[in-house]
Amino acid sequence: MNQKQVEEECRKLVLARFRSLNPDSKLLLGKGKEMTVRELIGHVEKPDEFGKNVIKVQMRMLKVLTGV
């Protein structure tokens, strides 16, 4: 699997996680900034620079949770 395929699989995994949540739920992102799950999904779907960072953070969190 090449790097592009790995990135796409990570993006799909993060989208699946977010889509399991209420799209109108708000998440606190730091410095008092809130964003809905729907907005996060939009950034990850594009993926713009913010969406790419969201994917990286989510993948780090999953690694911590799974002990990998």
C-alpha atoms as a PDB file:
ATOM      1  CA  MET A   1       0.000   0.000   0.000  1.00  0.00           C
ATOM      2  CA  ASN A   2       1.480   3.353  -0.984  1.00  0.00           C
ATOM      3  CA  GLN A   3       1.349   6.592   1.041  1.00  0.00           C
ATOM      4  CA  LYS A   4      -1.615   8.001  -0.885  1.00  0.00           C
ATOM      5  CA  GLN A   5      -3.645   4.836  -0.211  1.00  0.00           C
ATOM      6  CA  VAL A   6      -2.762   4.955   3.501  1.00  0.00           C
ATOM      7  CA  GLU A   7      -3.853   8.598   3.697  1.00  0.00           C
ATOM      8  CA  GLU A   8      -7.153   7.760   1.982  1.00  0.00           C
ATOM      9  CA  GLU A   9      -7.814   4.860   4.364  1.00  0.00           C
ATOM     10  CA  CYS A  10      -7.094   7.118   7.349  1.00  0.00           C
ATOM     11  CA  ARG A  11      -9.472   9.743   5.958  1.00  0.00           C
ATOM     12  CA  LYS A  12     -12.206   7.118   5.538  1.00  0.00           C
ATOM     13  CA  LEU A  13     -11.683   5.863   9.087  1.00  0.00           C
ATOM     14  CA  VAL A  14     -11.920   9.362  10.570  1.00  0.00           C
ATOM     15  CA  LEU A  15     -15.041  10.101   8.518  1.00  0.00           C
ATOM     16  CA  ALA A  16     -16.657   6.883   9.743  1.00  0.00           C
ATOM     17  CA  ARG A  17     -15.921   7.866  13.345  1.00  0.00           C
ATOM     18  CA  PHE A  18     -17.370  11.358  12.907  1.00  0.00           C
ATOM     19  CA  ARG A  19     -20.429  10.103  11.024  1.00  0.00           C
ATOM     20  CA  SER A  20     -21.302   7.929  14.018  1.00  0.00           C
ATOM     21  CA  LEU A  21     -21.809  11.118  16.053  1.00  0.00           C
ATOM     22  CA  ASN A  22     -24.713  13.552  16.084  1.00  0.00           C
ATOM     23  CA  PRO A  23     -23.848  15.989  13.252  1.00  0.00           C
ATOM     24  CA  ASP A  24     -25.134  18.929  15.286  1.00  0.00           C
ATOM     25  CA  SER A  25     -22.951  18.150  18.321  1.00  0.00           C
ATOM     26  CA  LYS A  26     -20.362  20.793  19.022  1.00  0.00           C
ATOM     27  CA  LEU A  27     -16.758  20.081  19.896  1.00  0.00           C
ATOM     28  CA  LEU A  28     -14.414  22.463  21.669  1.00  0.00           C
ATOM     29  CA  LEU A  29     -11.199  22.769  19.647  1.00  0.00           C
ATOM     30  CA  GLY A  30      -9.171  24.969  21.951  1.00  0.00           C
ATOM     31  CA  LYS A  31      -8.989  28.679  22.634  1.00  0.00           C
ATOM     32  CA  GLY A  32     -12.764  28.674  23.012  1.00  0.00           C
ATOM     33  CA  LYS A  33     -13.430  27.758  19.375  1.00  0.00           C
ATOM     34  CA  GLU A  34     -16.386  25.455  18.796  1.00  0.00           C
ATOM     35  CA  MET A  35     -17.204  23.502  15.663  1.00  0.00           C
ATOM     36  CA  THR A  36     -20.013  21.117  14.836  1.00  0.00           C
ATOM     37  CA  VAL A  37     -19.335  17.540  13.805  1.00  0.00           C
ATOM     38  CA  ARG A  38     -20.909  18.422  10.440  1.00  0.00           C
ATOM     39  CA  GLU A  39     -18.330  21.194   9.939  1.00  0.00           C
ATOM     40  CA  LEU A  40     -15.478  18.857  10.867  1.00  0.00           C
ATOM     41  CA  ILE A  41     -16.745  16.281   8.377  1.00  0.00           C
ATOM     42  CA  GLY A  42     -16.722  18.972   5.673  1.00  0.00           C
ATOM     43  CA  HIS A  43     -13.082  19.807   6.396  1.00  0.00           C
ATOM     44  CA  VAL A  44     -12.053  16.127   6.377  1.00  0.00           C
ATOM     45  CA  GLU A  45     -13.973  15.409   3.157  1.00  0.00           C
ATOM     46  CA  LYS A  46     -12.230  18.195   1.190  1.00  0.00           C
ATOM     47  CA  PRO A  47      -9.533  17.629   2.765  1.00  0.00           C
ATOM     48  CA  ASP A  48      -8.268  21.142   3.345  1.00  0.00           C
ATOM     49  CA  GLU A  49      -5.285  21.916   5.582  1.00  0.00           C
ATOM     50  CA  PHE A  50      -7.451  21.957   8.709  1.00  0.00           C
ATOM     51  CA  GLY A  51      -9.031  18.649   7.674  1.00  0.00           C
ATOM     52  CA  LYS A  52      -5.598  17.072   7.214  1.00  0.00           C
ATOM     53  CA  ASN A  53      -4.636  18.157  10.724  1.00  0.00           C
ATOM     54  CA  VAL A  54      -7.872  16.711  12.109  1.00  0.00           C
ATOM     55  CA  ILE A  55      -7.040  13.383  10.466  1.00  0.00           C
ATOM     56  CA  LYS A  56      -3.526  13.396  11.987  1.00  0.00           C
ATOM     57  CA  VAL A  57      -4.860  14.136  15.468  1.00  0.00           C
ATOM     58  CA  GLN A  58      -7.578  11.495  15.211  1.00  0.00           C
ATOM     59  CA  MET A  59      -5.098   8.865  14.042  1.00  0.00           C
ATOM     60  CA  ARG A  60      -2.755   9.681  16.947  1.00  0.00           C
ATOM     61  CA  MET A  61      -5.677   9.337  19.344  1.00  0.00           C
ATOM     62  CA  LEU A  62      -6.629   5.957  17.861  1.00  0.00           C
ATOM     63  CA  LYS A  63      -3.041   4.747  18.228  1.00  0.00           C
ATOM     64  CA  VAL A  64      -3.052   5.755  21.908  1.00  0.00           C
ATOM     65  CA  LEU A  65      -6.402   4.042  22.486  1.00  0.00           C
ATOM     66  CA  THR A  66      -5.289   0.825  20.778  1.00  0.00           C
ATOM     67  CA  GLY A  67      -1.797   0.785  22.280  1.00  0.00           C
ATOM     68  CA  VAL A  68      -0.106   0.675  18.872  1.00  0.00           C
END
